[in-house]
Every structure is written in structure tokens, then in C-alpha cells.
Protein backbone atom coordinates (compact mmCIF):
# COMPACT_ATOMS: atom_id res chain seq x y z
CA UNK A 1 -0.03 0.00 0.01
CA UNK A 2 1.38 3.61 -0.99
CA UNK A 3 2.04 5.96 1.89
CA UNK A 4 0.08 8.36 -0.08
CA UNK A 5 -3.06 6.13 0.02
CA UNK A 6 -6.10 8.17 0.56
CA UNK A 7 -9.60 6.98 2.33
CA UNK A 8 -12.53 9.25 2.92
CA UNK A 9 -16.42 9.31 3.21
CA UNK A 10 -18.42 11.15 0.84
CA UNK A 11 -22.12 12.25 1.26
CA UNK A 12 -24.07 12.22 -1.88
CA UNK A 13 -27.04 14.55 -1.37
CA UNK A 14 -29.68 16.51 -3.29
CA UNK A 15 -33.52 16.80 -3.97
CA UNK A 16 -35.49 13.79 -4.64
CA UNK A 17 -35.10 12.14 -8.14
CA UNK A 18 -31.89 13.76 -9.29
CA UNK A 19 -29.96 10.57 -9.77
CA UNK A 20 -28.07 10.17 -6.41
CA UNK A 21 -28.63 6.34 -6.26
CA UNK A 22 -27.82 5.99 -10.03
CA UNK A 23 -24.60 7.78 -9.40
CA UNK A 24 -23.62 5.64 -6.25
CA UNK A 25 -24.11 2.47 -8.24
CA UNK A 26 -22.36 3.75 -11.20
CA UNK A 27 -19.37 4.89 -8.93
CA UNK A 28 -19.25 1.56 -6.97
CA UNK A 29 -19.75 -0.44 -10.25
CA UNK A 30 -22.52 -2.58 -8.57
CA UNK A 31 -26.06 -2.19 -7.55
CA UNK A 32 -25.86 -1.28 -3.87
CA UNK A 33 -28.55 1.41 -3.92
CA UNK A 34 -31.97 0.92 -5.52
CA UNK A 35 -33.49 3.28 -8.18
CA UNK A 36 -36.60 4.15 -9.83
CA UNK A 37 -38.52 7.11 -11.25
CA UNK A 38 -40.34 7.73 -8.18
CA UNK A 39 -39.00 10.21 -5.84
CA UNK A 40 -37.81 9.22 -2.36
CA UNK A 41 -36.88 5.56 -3.39
CA UNK A 42 -33.91 5.68 -1.19
CA UNK A 43 -34.99 5.75 2.53
CA UNK A 44 -31.65 4.82 4.09
CA UNK A 45 -28.18 5.96 4.25
CA UNK A 46 -26.25 3.40 2.04
CA UNK A 47 -22.54 2.99 2.08
CA UNK A 48 -20.99 1.93 -1.18
CA UNK A 49 -17.32 1.30 -1.38
CA UNK A 50 -14.91 1.56 -4.25
CA UNK A 51 -11.28 0.83 -3.78
CA UNK A 52 -8.72 1.68 -6.42
CA UNK A 53 -4.99 1.33 -6.36
CA UNK A 54 -4.44 4.55 -4.38
CA UNK A 55 -7.87 5.70 -2.83
CA UNK A 56 -10.79 4.05 -0.99
CA UNK A 57 -14.04 6.01 -1.55
CA UNK A 58 -16.84 5.55 0.83
CA UNK A 59 -20.12 6.74 -0.70
CA UNK A 60 -22.97 7.67 1.65
CA UNK A 61 -26.03 7.81 -0.77
CA UNK A 62 -28.81 9.71 1.34
CA UNK A 63 -32.44 9.90 0.85
CA UNK A 64 -33.67 13.01 -1.15
CA UNK A 65 -34.30 15.88 1.16
CA UNK A 66 -38.04 16.24 1.55
CA UNK A 67 -39.64 19.76 2.22
CA UNK A 68 -43.37 19.08 1.68
CA UNK A 69 -44.28 15.74 3.33
CA UNK A 70 -43.92 15.75 7.21
CA UNK A 71 -44.84 12.37 8.51
CA UNK A 72 -42.60 10.37 10.64
CA UNK A 73 -40.83 8.59 7.73
CA UNK A 74 -39.93 11.82 6.07
CA UNK A 75 -38.80 13.38 9.26
CA UNK A 76 -36.38 10.22 9.84
CA UNK A 77 -35.14 10.49 6.22
CA UNK A 78 -34.50 14.18 6.53
CA UNK A 79 -32.52 13.52 9.88
CA UNK A 80 -30.72 11.02 7.90
CA UNK A 81 -29.57 13.46 5.51
CA UNK A 82 -28.54 16.14 7.86
CA UNK A 83 -26.68 13.90 10.40
CA UNK A 84 -24.50 12.50 7.59
CA UNK A 85 -22.98 15.87 6.95
CA UNK A 86 -20.81 15.78 10.31
CA UNK A 87 -19.39 12.25 9.49
CA UNK A 88 -17.94 12.87 5.99
CA UNK A 89 -14.81 14.38 4.37
CA UNK A 90 -16.38 15.63 1.04
CA UNK A 91 -20.15 16.53 0.12
CA UNK A 92 -21.29 15.84 -3.35
CA UNK A 93 -24.30 18.06 -3.93
CA UNK A 94 -26.12 16.44 -6.93
CA UNK A 95 -28.60 18.63 -9.22
CA UNK A 96 -30.10 17.97 -12.57
CA UNK A 97 -28.61 19.99 -15.28
CA UNK A 98 -30.28 23.33 -16.06
CA UNK A 99 -32.26 23.29 -12.84
CA UNK A 100 -31.55 25.22 -9.56
CA UNK A 101 -34.21 26.70 -7.40
CA UNK A 102 -35.31 27.30 -3.92
CA UNK A 103 -35.07 23.70 -2.82
CA UNK A 104 -31.28 23.48 -3.89
CA UNK A 105 -30.59 26.98 -2.12
CA UNK A 106 -32.43 25.66 1.00
CA UNK A 107 -30.25 22.38 0.94
CA UNK A 108 -27.06 24.39 0.24
CA UNK A 109 -27.76 26.63 3.38
CA UNK A 110 -27.88 23.65 5.63
CA UNK A 111 -24.44 22.48 4.78
CA UNK A 112 -21.69 22.90 7.48
CA UNK A 113 -18.94 25.29 6.81
CA UNK A 114 -15.37 24.13 6.35
CA UNK A 115 -16.29 20.89 4.31
CA UNK A 116 -15.59 20.86 0.64
CA UNK A 117 -18.79 20.91 -1.43
CA UNK A 118 -18.49 19.59 -5.01
CA UNK A 119 -21.46 20.31 -7.33
CA UNK A 120 -22.28 17.34 -9.49
CA UNK A 121 -24.48 18.53 -12.44
CA UNK A 122 -26.08 15.19 -13.57
CA UNK A 123 -28.18 14.26 -16.58
CA UNK A 124 -25.98 16.09 -19.00
CA UNK A 125 -26.75 13.39 -21.70
CA UNK A 126 -30.19 14.96 -22.18
CA UNK A 127 -28.69 18.22 -23.62
CA UNK A 128 -27.88 17.80 -27.19
CA UNK A 129 -26.03 21.13 -27.28
CA UNK A 130 -23.79 20.80 -24.30
CA UNK A 131 -22.54 24.48 -24.78
CA UNK A 132 -25.81 25.56 -23.61
CA UNK A 133 -24.89 24.50 -20.16
CA UNK A 134 -21.80 26.65 -20.02
CA UNK A 135 -24.01 29.94 -18.84
CA UNK A 136 -25.80 27.71 -16.17
CA UNK A 137 -22.31 26.47 -14.76
CA UNK A 138 -20.94 29.99 -15.02
CA UNK A 139 -23.67 31.51 -13.01
CA UNK A 140 -23.55 28.79 -10.28
CA UNK A 141 -19.84 29.14 -9.88
CA UNK A 142 -20.21 33.02 -9.72
CA UNK A 143 -23.12 32.78 -7.06
CA UNK A 144 -21.69 29.93 -4.88
CA UNK A 145 -18.36 28.80 -3.47
CA UNK A 146 -18.19 25.33 -4.61
CA UNK A 147 -14.90 23.49 -4.25
CA UNK A 148 -15.38 22.08 -7.81
CA UNK A 149 -18.07 21.79 -10.33
CA UNK A 150 -18.27 18.51 -12.29
CA UNK A 151 -20.82 17.89 -15.16
CA UNK A 152 -21.65 14.25 -15.81
CA UNK A 153 -24.16 11.63 -16.74
CA UNK A 154 -24.66 8.96 -13.94
CA UNK A 155 -26.87 6.77 -16.13
CA UNK A 156 -24.33 6.78 -19.23
CA UNK A 157 -21.22 6.87 -17.27
CA UNK A 158 -20.00 10.13 -18.88
CA UNK A 159 -17.73 12.26 -16.56
CA UNK A 160 -17.74 9.83 -13.66
CA UNK A 161 -13.97 9.06 -13.92
CA UNK A 162 -13.29 12.75 -13.84
CA UNK A 163 -15.30 13.09 -10.65
CA UNK A 164 -13.35 10.34 -8.88
CA UNK A 165 -10.13 12.03 -9.92
CA UNK A 166 -11.44 15.32 -8.60
CA UNK A 167 -12.74 13.93 -5.39
CA UNK A 168 -9.51 11.85 -4.30
CA UNK A 169 -7.49 15.25 -4.09
CA UNK A 170 -9.80 16.27 -1.07
CA UNK A 171 -9.61 12.87 0.86
CA UNK A 172 -7.27 12.33 3.78
CA UNK A 173 -4.15 10.40 3.53
CA UNK A 174 -5.07 7.26 5.53
CA UNK A 175 -5.28 3.37 5.08
CA UNK A 176 -8.56 1.72 3.81
CA UNK A 177 -11.24 1.10 6.27
CA UNK A 178 -12.90 -1.86 4.02
CA UNK A 179 -11.39 -4.65 2.35
CA UNK A 180 -10.40 -4.17 -1.25
CA UNK A 181 -13.31 -6.38 -2.61
CA UNK A 182 -15.82 -4.96 -0.30
CA UNK A 183 -18.60 -2.77 -2.25
CA UNK A 184 -20.94 -1.98 0.69
CA UNK A 185 -21.16 -2.21 4.62
CA UNK A 186 -24.86 -3.40 4.26
CA UNK A 187 -25.78 -7.12 4.73
CA UNK A 188 -27.39 -9.15 2.08
CA UNK A 189 -30.61 -9.33 4.19
CA UNK A 190 -30.87 -5.51 3.83
CA UNK A 191 -29.85 -5.53 0.16
CA UNK A 192 -32.46 -8.16 -0.52
CA UNK A 193 -35.19 -5.99 1.13
CA UNK A 194 -34.09 -3.01 -1.06
CA UNK A 195 -34.01 -4.84 -4.24
CA UNK A 196 -37.60 -6.27 -3.58
CA UNK A 197 -38.80 -2.74 -2.86
CA UNK A 198 -37.28 -1.38 -5.92
CA UNK A 199 -39.19 -3.88 -8.01
CA UNK A 200 -42.45 -2.98 -6.13
CA UNK A 201 -41.90 0.62 -7.19
CA UNK A 202 -40.96 -0.09 -10.79
CA UNK A 203 -43.76 -2.53 -11.47
CA UNK A 204 -46.56 -0.60 -9.70
CA UNK A 205 -45.63 2.77 -11.28
CA UNK A 206 -48.01 5.53 -9.97
CA UNK A 207 -50.68 3.34 -8.64
CA UNK A 208 -49.26 2.74 -5.30
CA UNK A 209 -48.66 5.54 -2.83
CA UNK A 210 -45.53 5.64 -0.75
CA UNK A 211 -47.19 3.64 2.02
CA UNK A 212 -45.06 0.64 1.24
CA UNK A 213 -42.19 -1.18 2.96
CA UNK A 214 -40.37 -4.60 3.00
CA UNK A 215 -39.60 -6.69 5.83
CA UNK A 216 -37.27 -9.75 5.66
CA UNK A 217 -38.61 -12.18 8.29
CA UNK A 218 -36.23 -14.96 7.62
CA UNK A 219 -32.89 -15.19 5.67
CA UNK A 220 -31.30 -18.65 5.42
CA UNK A 221 -28.23 -19.66 3.56
CA UNK A 222 -27.41 -23.30 2.47
CA UNK A 223 -24.18 -23.28 0.45
CA UNK A 224 -24.71 -20.97 -2.48
CA UNK A 225 -28.57 -21.15 -1.90
CA UNK A 226 -30.20 -18.33 -0.14
CA UNK A 227 -33.98 -18.85 1.16
CA UNK A 228 -35.50 -15.30 1.65
CA UNK A 229 -39.00 -14.90 3.14
CA UNK A 230 -40.27 -11.34 2.69
CA UNK A 231 -43.33 -9.50 3.95
CA UNK A 232 -44.58 -6.47 1.82
CA UNK A 233 -46.08 -3.89 4.14
CA UNK A 234 -48.80 -1.68 2.81
CA UNK A 235 -51.11 0.78 4.46
CA UNK A 236 -54.44 -0.29 3.42
CA UNK A 237 -56.43 -3.36 2.15
CA UNK A 238 -56.92 -1.79 -1.24
CA UNK A 239 -53.19 -1.45 -1.65
CA UNK A 240 -52.78 -5.23 -0.87
CA UNK A 241 -55.07 -5.82 -3.81
CA UNK A 242 -52.98 -3.62 -6.00
CA UNK A 243 -49.56 -5.41 -5.16
CA UNK A 244 -50.94 -8.80 -5.49
CA UNK A 245 -52.77 -8.14 -8.91
CA UNK A 246 -55.29 -10.29 -10.69
CA UNK A 247 -54.67 -14.12 -9.99
CA UNK A 248 -51.44 -13.08 -8.26
CA UNK A 249 -49.76 -12.29 -11.57
CA UNK A 250 -48.20 -8.81 -10.45
CA UNK A 251 -46.71 -10.24 -7.18
CA UNK A 252 -45.36 -13.12 -9.09
CA UNK A 253 -43.75 -10.82 -11.72
CA UNK A 254 -42.40 -8.62 -8.98
CA UNK A 255 -40.86 -11.48 -7.01
CA UNK A 256 -39.39 -13.08 -10.11
CA UNK A 257 -37.82 -9.66 -11.02
CA UNK A 258 -36.37 -9.30 -7.51
CA UNK A 259 -35.01 -12.88 -7.33
CA UNK A 260 -33.02 -12.41 -10.49
CA UNK A 261 -31.42 -9.22 -9.41
CA UNK A 262 -30.65 -10.85 -5.99
CA UNK A 263 -28.88 -13.75 -7.83
CA UNK A 264 -26.90 -11.56 -9.88
CA UNK A 265 -25.62 -9.53 -6.74
CA UNK A 266 -25.18 -12.31 -4.39
CA UNK A 267 -23.67 -14.79 -7.10
CA UNK A 268 -25.83 -17.86 -6.19
CA UNK A 269 -29.36 -19.05 -6.40
CA UNK A 270 -32.18 -17.52 -4.32
CA UNK A 271 -35.42 -19.05 -3.36
CA UNK A 272 -37.80 -16.14 -2.74
CA UNK A 273 -41.18 -16.34 -0.92
CA UNK A 274 -43.30 -13.11 -0.65
CA UNK A 275 -46.60 -11.97 0.87
CA UNK A 276 -48.35 -8.90 1.65
CA UNK A 277 -49.41 -7.40 5.00
CA UNK A 278 -51.62 -4.52 5.95
CA UNK A 279 -50.32 -2.30 8.62
CA UNK A 280 -52.42 0.87 8.76
CA UNK A 281 -50.44 4.10 9.44
CA UNK A 282 -46.99 2.50 9.54
CA UNK A 283 -45.19 5.29 7.84
CA UNK A 284 -46.30 7.73 10.69
CA UNK A 285 -45.67 5.33 13.58
CA UNK A 286 -41.89 5.74 14.93
CA UNK A 287 -42.15 2.32 16.77
CA UNK A 288 -43.27 0.56 13.43
CA UNK A 289 -40.62 2.19 11.48
CA UNK A 290 -37.95 1.30 13.97
CA UNK A 291 -38.94 -2.46 13.76
CA UNK A 292 -38.58 -2.05 9.91
CA UNK A 293 -35.04 -0.78 10.27
CA UNK A 294 -35.41 2.97 10.25
CA UNK A 295 -33.41 5.04 12.60
């Protein structure tokens, strides 16, 4: 290991649906954080780890900061965002190319002084004429004191290597925290619940409100085979019907999609059993949230 090896924690923050989880997965090179077109898909702080020959990056993917909904779940997610600031070396503020408003100003005002803030302008692939972004970048660099501004596309992988090189210069010289082949500090049990929740969001589209969670009731491993028993928690009986679908076809499709992603991530066969439970008001019940792993 080089005497100049660098290791550091980086908070990836931003408004909902700007691509924070997609960026985390792209940088880590594996799916450690779930994604969907729905805002607020990420509900937990996720640590993704990337180790190169000279640097270990520990990415903290946070929930999108919520300013409109105020139930217990959203309060916990906002608390997760703000508490992450004190524990990191660098803050990556992710925005969508061409979009900067009151929400970004409010989030920027919450950031602690003395920590480098790198502005990551995501989704530049959606602009045919990249030159049109220059006035936007110039304005933000003039109005705010960002350590760096890096335009990129997390989805396409454009600019991500430049971001890593830029970030490395701000990390402290210290030995790695994780082993070289680690990609996350989260357990397989947790990752299984997140993968299933992603498939629920992706398959249900706009039909189901956000009153949905996943609880892994049992996780067993026999050699390369993992047996996973998962309860899908919904707020109302009508939501249970939506998840199951006609003759159970929707739940079957969701479970199949989730199982395939789990097998790809875990590198072995998965036997997945799912069912749906109704727990009214769970998203506004702090005791219920704690039992589901929210803190």
C-alpha cells in the first residue's frame, strides 16, 4: 500500500429524483442502492465502497431531502440526510442539469462550513448542445463557492472518472477502512429488502402511494442457496389488492424480477417467498418504523 493512500467518506445529497442512487451504483460498479423514477426511492443511508490502487472512496447515498411531506418516515429520512454531514470528508451536491431553485438553495444553506462541497451536475446526456450548459455552470460558480463543479451523466457513465479523480484530492491520507473487494457495508438481508422494494416501485408505477415497505422475516443460507422470506407492508387493504394483482400475477412478476437481481448481486441461487401484510399508518408510527429498520 502506498504511503500516500487516501480514504474518505463522501455524502451524496440532493433533492429527490436527481440521480443520487444511480450515481452511487455507477461509481461503485455494482447495485448497492435501489433506483426508480419515483422520488424518495432511497430511504436509508447506503454506504457504497470503491477501492482503487491509491484511494478508497466510501459513498454515503442519502434519501432525497423532503420539504413538503412531514410524516414520521420523512422526518427520519431528513434527519438521516442532515446527520450524515458531520461524518464525511466531502459533500457531493447532485443537481439536474439546468435546474437550480429554492430547494437547492435551502439544502445548500444547511451544509456545514469547512467541508468541501463539489457540485455534481447530472443528466447532461439529455442536452444535445452541451454548450448551452456553460452559462448555467458559470452562473452557479459565480453565485456560490463550490470547491469544484463536475458535469456528468450517471446513467451513461459520462464524466464519472473525472469526478473520482477530482474527489480523491480532497480525501485524507489514511489506510483503507474496508477490504479491497468490499462494495458495501450493508448486509445481504438488507440488500434483499431494498431490491424487492425497488421492483415494487418499478412494477406498480404511480398506482401505489408511498405507504409501502419490505420486511425480511427470515434469511437462510445453505451453501450457495439463499432462502428469503419477505413481507410486503402496505397501508390499506386496497393497496394489498394492487400489489397482488389479478390471480397473483403482479406479485409473481415482482418476485421473479427481484429474485433475478438478488442472484446476480449475491452470485448464487435464491429461493424467494413473498406475501403482503396490511399495517395501517405504519409510515407515521415511529415504533413501526424502528422495527422495519429505520433510525
